[in-house]
Structures are given as C-alpha cells and as structure tokens.
Amino acid sequence: MSDKRRGYRPWRGGTWGCGCTSVVVVLTAGLILSLFNLAIGLGASVRIPFTSSNLTIAGSVGTKNKAPEVLPGYTQGRLGGNQNFINQSSTLTIGPAEGAVIVVLGRQEGANVIDFHLEAR
C-alpha cells in the first residue's frame, strides 16, 4: 500500500475531518469556562464582492446562557434559523456547557465589509 493512501478511509470521504472535535472542546473548554460563568465567542465575516451579502463563520463555547450572546451581533436570531441563502448552525450542550457554531451566507444587517469578532463575557 502506498504512503499516499495510508490515511485514506473511503467511508469518511478523505483524510480530513474533525467529527469529535466539538465534543472535546465542549467537554474541556466549555466545562472549565462554565465553572467561572464565562463564554468566549470568535467570528469572521467577509462581504461577497458585487453583492450586499456576507459570508460569516462564528463559534462560541462556555456557559449555556452566555454562549449565544457572545456570537457577533449580526448573527443574533440566526442560530437555528433559515432566513438566509445558507444558514448552517449547530449547538452541543453537555451539562452546564454549550458550544455553538454558525455559518451564514446572505444579507446580514450590521455586518461590515470585513469583520473579525472576539468577545469574552
């Protein structure tokens, strides 16, 4: 077997992927942050050229009630929604900790041409 095919698994579609990463992050960072009643959010947004739409990728981890609040302001109300061309969001809750990830492609009021968001509460 060649070295190039060693890590290939046809049932996964290739060698890339991080299916259990969110579980590990919520179990470690999420539970630690929930002990201190904190949440951390990180996001980036870029305007699609010649349109009024943005591509936004954001995530947060921490206490259940604070994790959605630390996402960028222009993603508020879109977690689990369907009002854009593409709105892929997922959340994972383990005990008092929650992790949320959202990918939005569409018109987002309040989003800048290029935006980087980092927030801790």
N, C-alpha and C. Protein backbone atom coordinates (compact mmCIF):
# COMPACT_ATOMS: atom_id res chain seq x y z
N MET A 1 0.85 -1.18 0.00
CA MET A 1 0.00 0.00 0.00
C MET A 1 0.89 1.24 0.00
N SER A 2 0.61 2.18 -0.84
CA SER A 2 1.44 3.38 -0.93
C SER A 2 1.19 4.29 0.27
N ASP A 3 2.18 5.15 0.57
CA ASP A 3 2.07 6.06 1.70
C ASP A 3 0.96 7.08 1.50
N LYS A 4 0.67 7.44 0.25
CA LYS A 4 -0.38 8.42 -0.02
C LYS A 4 -1.75 7.88 0.35
N ARG A 5 -1.96 6.60 0.27
CA ARG A 5 -3.27 6.01 0.54
C ARG A 5 -3.39 5.51 1.98
N ARG A 6 -2.35 5.62 2.78
CA ARG A 6 -2.36 5.06 4.12
C ARG A 6 -3.47 5.64 4.99
N GLY A 7 -3.67 6.98 4.98
CA GLY A 7 -4.69 7.61 5.82
C GLY A 7 -6.05 7.72 5.17
N TYR A 8 -6.20 7.21 3.96
CA TYR A 8 -7.47 7.32 3.24
C TYR A 8 -8.48 6.32 3.78
N ARG A 9 -9.67 6.82 4.08
CA ARG A 9 -10.76 5.96 4.53
C ARG A 9 -11.98 6.29 3.68
N PRO A 10 -12.38 5.41 2.78
CA PRO A 10 -13.44 5.74 1.83
C PRO A 10 -14.77 6.06 2.49
N TRP A 11 -15.06 5.52 3.64
CA TRP A 11 -16.34 5.79 4.31
C TRP A 11 -16.39 7.20 4.90
N ARG A 12 -15.24 7.88 5.00
CA ARG A 12 -15.20 9.24 5.53
C ARG A 12 -15.05 10.28 4.44
N GLY A 13 -14.78 9.87 3.23
CA GLY A 13 -14.65 10.81 2.13
C GLY A 13 -13.28 11.45 2.05
N GLY A 14 -12.28 10.95 2.72
CA GLY A 14 -10.94 11.51 2.65
C GLY A 14 -10.24 11.44 3.98
N THR A 15 -9.15 12.19 4.10
CA THR A 15 -8.37 12.13 5.33
C THR A 15 -8.66 13.30 6.25
N TRP A 16 -9.45 14.29 5.80
CA TRP A 16 -9.73 15.46 6.62
C TRP A 16 -11.02 15.27 7.38
N GLY A 17 -11.17 16.00 8.46
CA GLY A 17 -12.41 15.94 9.22
C GLY A 17 -12.13 16.06 10.70
N CYS A 18 -13.10 16.54 11.42
CA CYS A 18 -12.96 16.70 12.87
C CYS A 18 -14.31 16.47 13.52
N GLY A 19 -14.87 15.30 13.31
CA GLY A 19 -16.20 14.99 13.79
C GLY A 19 -16.36 15.05 15.29
N CYS A 20 -15.34 14.68 16.06
CA CYS A 20 -15.48 14.66 17.51
C CYS A 20 -14.82 15.86 18.16
N THR A 21 -14.29 16.78 17.38
CA THR A 21 -13.60 17.94 17.95
C THR A 21 -14.54 18.77 18.80
N SER A 22 -15.76 18.97 18.36
CA SER A 22 -16.69 19.80 19.12
C SER A 22 -16.99 19.18 20.48
N VAL A 23 -17.09 17.87 20.55
CA VAL A 23 -17.33 17.21 21.83
C VAL A 23 -16.15 17.44 22.77
N VAL A 24 -14.94 17.32 22.25
CA VAL A 24 -13.75 17.51 23.07
C VAL A 24 -13.66 18.96 23.56
N VAL A 25 -13.94 19.92 22.67
CA VAL A 25 -13.87 21.33 23.05
C VAL A 25 -14.92 21.67 24.11
N VAL A 26 -16.14 21.19 23.93
CA VAL A 26 -17.19 21.48 24.91
C VAL A 26 -16.90 20.78 26.23
N LEU A 27 -16.39 19.57 26.17
CA LEU A 27 -16.08 18.85 27.41
C LEU A 27 -14.94 19.51 28.19
N THR A 28 -13.92 19.99 27.50
CA THR A 28 -12.80 20.58 28.21
C THR A 28 -13.00 22.07 28.43
N ALA A 29 -12.93 22.85 27.36
CA ALA A 29 -13.01 24.32 27.49
C ALA A 29 -14.38 24.76 27.99
N GLY A 30 -15.44 24.16 27.47
CA GLY A 30 -16.78 24.56 27.87
C GLY A 30 -17.06 24.34 29.34
N LEU A 31 -16.68 23.19 29.85
CA LEU A 31 -16.91 22.91 31.28
C LEU A 31 -16.03 23.79 32.16
N ILE A 32 -14.80 24.04 31.75
CA ILE A 32 -13.92 24.92 32.54
C ILE A 32 -14.47 26.34 32.55
N LEU A 33 -14.89 26.84 31.38
CA LEU A 33 -15.46 28.19 31.32
C LEU A 33 -16.77 28.29 32.10
N SER A 34 -17.57 27.23 32.10
CA SER A 34 -18.83 27.28 32.83
C SER A 34 -18.62 27.32 34.35
N LEU A 35 -17.50 26.80 34.82
CA LEU A 35 -17.19 26.90 36.25
C LEU A 35 -17.00 28.36 36.67
N PHE A 36 -16.51 29.20 35.75
CA PHE A 36 -16.28 30.61 36.03
C PHE A 36 -17.38 31.50 35.45
N ASN A 37 -18.47 30.89 34.94
CA ASN A 37 -19.61 31.61 34.35
C ASN A 37 -19.15 32.51 33.21
N LEU A 38 -18.31 31.97 32.31
CA LEU A 38 -17.76 32.70 31.18
C LEU A 38 -18.14 32.03 29.86
N ALA A 39 -18.06 32.82 28.80
CA ALA A 39 -18.22 32.29 27.44
C ALA A 39 -17.29 33.08 26.52
N ILE A 40 -16.76 32.41 25.50
CA ILE A 40 -15.87 33.03 24.54
C ILE A 40 -16.46 32.83 23.15
N GLY A 41 -16.50 33.91 22.38
CA GLY A 41 -17.01 33.85 21.02
C GLY A 41 -15.98 34.36 20.03
N LEU A 42 -15.92 33.74 18.87
CA LEU A 42 -14.97 34.09 17.83
C LEU A 42 -15.69 34.02 16.49
N GLY A 43 -15.49 35.03 15.66
CA GLY A 43 -16.17 35.03 14.37
C GLY A 43 -15.45 35.88 13.35
N ALA A 44 -15.73 35.60 12.09
CA ALA A 44 -15.17 36.38 10.99
C ALA A 44 -16.24 36.51 9.91
N SER A 45 -16.25 37.68 9.27
CA SER A 45 -17.23 37.94 8.22
C SER A 45 -16.55 38.68 7.07
N VAL A 46 -16.91 38.30 5.85
CA VAL A 46 -16.34 38.91 4.65
C VAL A 46 -17.48 39.17 3.67
N ARG A 47 -17.51 40.37 3.09
CA ARG A 47 -18.52 40.71 2.09
C ARG A 47 -18.22 40.00 0.79
N ILE A 48 -19.24 39.44 0.17
CA ILE A 48 -19.12 38.81 -1.14
C ILE A 48 -19.07 39.93 -2.18
N PRO A 49 -18.04 39.97 -3.03
CA PRO A 49 -17.90 41.06 -4.00
C PRO A 49 -19.14 41.23 -4.89
N PHE A 50 -19.48 42.49 -5.16
CA PHE A 50 -20.58 42.89 -6.04
C PHE A 50 -21.96 42.50 -5.53
N THR A 51 -22.09 42.20 -4.22
CA THR A 51 -23.39 41.89 -3.63
C THR A 51 -23.50 42.61 -2.30
N SER A 52 -24.65 42.49 -1.68
CA SER A 52 -24.82 43.02 -0.33
C SER A 52 -24.83 41.90 0.70
N SER A 53 -24.32 40.73 0.33
CA SER A 53 -24.29 39.56 1.21
C SER A 53 -22.92 39.36 1.82
N ASN A 54 -22.91 38.77 2.98
CA ASN A 54 -21.68 38.43 3.69
C ASN A 54 -21.61 36.93 3.90
N LEU A 55 -20.38 36.44 4.03
CA LEU A 55 -20.12 35.08 4.49
C LEU A 55 -19.57 35.20 5.90
N THR A 56 -20.28 34.63 6.84
CA THR A 56 -19.90 34.71 8.25
C THR A 56 -19.70 33.31 8.80
N ILE A 57 -18.60 33.14 9.53
CA ILE A 57 -18.33 31.90 10.25
C ILE A 57 -18.03 32.31 11.69
N ALA A 58 -18.78 31.77 12.63
CA ALA A 58 -18.61 32.16 14.03
C ALA A 58 -18.85 30.96 14.94
N GLY A 59 -18.25 31.01 16.10
CA GLY A 59 -18.43 29.95 17.08
C GLY A 59 -18.27 30.49 18.48
N SER A 60 -18.85 29.78 19.42
CA SER A 60 -18.74 30.17 20.82
C SER A 60 -18.75 28.93 21.70
N VAL A 61 -18.19 29.06 22.87
CA VAL A 61 -18.17 27.98 23.85
C VAL A 61 -18.20 28.60 25.24
N GLY A 62 -18.89 27.96 26.15
CA GLY A 62 -18.96 28.45 27.53
C GLY A 62 -20.27 28.06 28.19
N THR A 63 -20.72 28.90 29.10
CA THR A 63 -21.96 28.67 29.84
C THR A 63 -23.16 28.70 28.89
N LYS A 64 -24.17 27.88 29.17
CA LYS A 64 -25.34 27.75 28.29
C LYS A 64 -25.99 29.07 27.94
N ASN A 65 -26.25 29.90 28.93
CA ASN A 65 -27.00 31.13 28.65
C ASN A 65 -26.14 32.22 28.03
N LYS A 66 -24.82 32.12 28.08
CA LYS A 66 -23.95 33.16 27.52
C LYS A 66 -23.37 32.80 26.16
N ALA A 67 -23.34 31.53 25.79
CA ALA A 67 -22.71 31.12 24.53
C ALA A 67 -23.35 31.78 23.30
N PRO A 68 -24.68 31.83 23.17
CA PRO A 68 -25.25 32.52 22.01
C PRO A 68 -25.06 34.04 22.05
N GLU A 69 -24.91 34.62 23.22
CA GLU A 69 -24.77 36.06 23.37
C GLU A 69 -23.41 36.58 22.89
N VAL A 70 -22.37 35.76 22.91
CA VAL A 70 -21.04 36.23 22.52
C VAL A 70 -20.75 36.05 21.03
N LEU A 71 -21.71 35.53 20.28
CA LEU A 71 -21.58 35.50 18.83
C LEU A 71 -21.69 36.93 18.31
N PRO A 72 -21.18 37.23 17.11
CA PRO A 72 -21.29 38.59 16.58
C PRO A 72 -22.74 39.08 16.55
N GLY A 73 -22.93 40.38 16.72
CA GLY A 73 -24.27 40.96 16.80
C GLY A 73 -25.12 40.71 15.57
N TYR A 74 -24.51 40.68 14.40
CA TYR A 74 -25.27 40.47 13.18
C TYR A 74 -25.69 39.02 12.97
N THR A 75 -25.30 38.10 13.85
CA THR A 75 -25.78 36.72 13.78
C THR A 75 -26.87 36.45 14.80
N GLN A 76 -27.20 37.43 15.63
CA GLN A 76 -28.23 37.24 16.65
C GLN A 76 -29.56 36.90 15.99
N GLY A 77 -30.24 35.91 16.49
CA GLY A 77 -31.50 35.47 15.93
C GLY A 77 -31.37 34.52 14.75
N ARG A 78 -30.16 34.26 14.31
CA ARG A 78 -29.95 33.37 13.16
C ARG A 78 -29.51 31.97 13.59
N LEU A 79 -29.16 31.77 14.83
CA LEU A 79 -28.75 30.46 15.31
C LEU A 79 -29.96 29.53 15.25
N GLY A 80 -29.93 28.58 14.35
CA GLY A 80 -31.04 27.66 14.16
C GLY A 80 -32.11 28.21 13.23
N GLY A 81 -31.86 29.35 12.59
CA GLY A 81 -32.84 29.96 11.70
C GLY A 81 -32.67 29.51 10.27
N ASN A 82 -33.55 30.01 9.41
CA ASN A 82 -33.49 29.65 7.99
C ASN A 82 -33.76 30.86 7.09
N GLN A 83 -33.39 32.05 7.53
CA GLN A 83 -33.73 33.25 6.78
C GLN A 83 -32.67 33.68 5.77
N ASN A 84 -31.63 32.91 5.55
CA ASN A 84 -30.58 33.27 4.60
C ASN A 84 -30.44 32.20 3.53
N PHE A 85 -29.64 32.52 2.50
CA PHE A 85 -29.37 31.56 1.43
C PHE A 85 -28.76 30.29 2.01
N ILE A 86 -27.75 30.44 2.85
CA ILE A 86 -27.17 29.31 3.58
C ILE A 86 -27.12 29.70 5.05
N ASN A 87 -27.66 28.87 5.90
CA ASN A 87 -27.59 29.07 7.34
C ASN A 87 -27.38 27.71 7.98
N GLN A 88 -26.14 27.37 8.23
CA GLN A 88 -25.80 26.11 8.87
C GLN A 88 -25.38 26.41 10.29
N SER A 89 -26.12 25.92 11.24
CA SER A 89 -25.75 26.14 12.63
C SER A 89 -25.92 24.85 13.41
N SER A 90 -25.10 24.71 14.42
CA SER A 90 -25.20 23.55 15.29
C SER A 90 -24.81 23.95 16.69
N THR A 91 -25.43 23.31 17.65
CA THR A 91 -25.10 23.53 19.05
C THR A 91 -24.91 22.18 19.72
N LEU A 92 -24.09 22.18 20.73
CA LEU A 92 -23.85 20.98 21.52
C LEU A 92 -23.85 21.38 22.98
N THR A 93 -24.71 20.75 23.76
CA THR A 93 -24.81 21.06 25.18
C THR A 93 -24.43 19.83 25.98
N ILE A 94 -23.50 20.01 26.90
CA ILE A 94 -23.10 18.95 27.82
C ILE A 94 -23.13 19.54 29.21
N GLY A 95 -24.13 19.16 29.98
CA GLY A 95 -24.29 19.70 31.33
C GLY A 95 -24.47 21.20 31.29
N PRO A 96 -23.67 21.96 32.04
CA PRO A 96 -23.81 23.42 32.06
C PRO A 96 -23.08 24.12 30.92
N ALA A 97 -22.38 23.36 30.07
CA ALA A 97 -21.59 23.96 28.99
C ALA A 97 -22.29 23.82 27.64
N GLU A 98 -22.05 24.80 26.78
CA GLU A 98 -22.62 24.76 25.44
C GLU A 98 -21.61 25.28 24.43
N GLY A 99 -21.61 24.68 23.26
CA GLY A 99 -20.82 25.15 22.14
C GLY A 99 -21.74 25.39 20.97
N ALA A 100 -21.51 26.46 20.24
CA ALA A 100 -22.35 26.80 19.08
C ALA A 100 -21.46 27.21 17.92
N VAL A 101 -21.84 26.78 16.73
CA VAL A 101 -21.14 27.13 15.50
C VAL A 101 -22.19 27.54 14.48
N ILE A 102 -21.91 28.63 13.74
CA ILE A 102 -22.85 29.10 12.73
C ILE A 102 -22.08 29.55 11.50
N VAL A 103 -22.60 29.16 10.34
CA VAL A 103 -22.08 29.60 9.05
C VAL A 103 -23.27 30.20 8.30
N VAL A 104 -23.16 31.48 7.93
CA VAL A 104 -24.26 32.18 7.26
C VAL A 104 -23.73 32.81 5.98
N LEU A 105 -24.45 32.59 4.89
CA LEU A 105 -24.19 33.26 3.63
C LEU A 105 -25.48 33.94 3.22
N GLY A 106 -25.47 35.26 3.26
CA GLY A 106 -26.66 36.02 2.92
C GLY A 106 -26.56 37.44 3.45
N ARG A 107 -27.64 38.19 3.28
CA ARG A 107 -27.68 39.57 3.74
C ARG A 107 -27.75 39.60 5.26
N GLN A 108 -26.83 40.37 5.85
CA GLN A 108 -26.77 40.48 7.31
C GLN A 108 -26.63 41.95 7.68
N GLU A 109 -27.69 42.52 8.21
CA GLU A 109 -27.67 43.92 8.59
C GLU A 109 -26.65 44.13 9.71
N GLY A 110 -25.85 45.16 9.57
CA GLY A 110 -24.86 45.48 10.59
C GLY A 110 -23.50 44.84 10.37
N ALA A 111 -23.37 43.99 9.37
CA ALA A 111 -22.09 43.35 9.11
C ALA A 111 -21.22 44.26 8.25
N ASN A 112 -19.99 44.43 8.63
CA ASN A 112 -19.03 45.25 7.88
C ASN A 112 -18.52 44.50 6.66
N VAL A 113 -17.74 45.19 5.83
CA VAL A 113 -17.16 44.56 4.65
C VAL A 113 -16.22 43.43 5.07
N ILE A 114 -15.36 43.71 6.03
CA ILE A 114 -14.50 42.69 6.64
C ILE A 114 -14.59 42.89 8.14
N ASP A 115 -14.85 41.82 8.87
CA ASP A 115 -15.02 41.94 10.31
C ASP A 115 -14.42 40.72 11.00
N PHE A 116 -13.73 40.97 12.09
CA PHE A 116 -13.22 39.91 12.96
C PHE A 116 -13.76 40.18 14.35
N HIS A 117 -14.37 39.20 14.95
CA HIS A 117 -15.07 39.38 16.23
C HIS A 117 -14.48 38.43 17.27
N LEU A 118 -14.09 38.99 18.41
CA LEU A 118 -13.62 38.20 19.54
C LEU A 118 -14.22 38.81 20.79
N GLU A 119 -14.92 37.99 21.57
CA GLU A 119 -15.59 38.52 22.75
C GLU A 119 -15.59 37.48 23.86
N ALA A 120 -15.42 37.95 25.07
CA ALA A 120 -15.50 37.09 26.25
C ALA A 120 -16.38 37.78 27.27
N ARG A 121 -17.32 37.06 27.82
CA ARG A 121 -18.21 37.58 28.87
C ARG A 121 -18.23 36.64 30.04
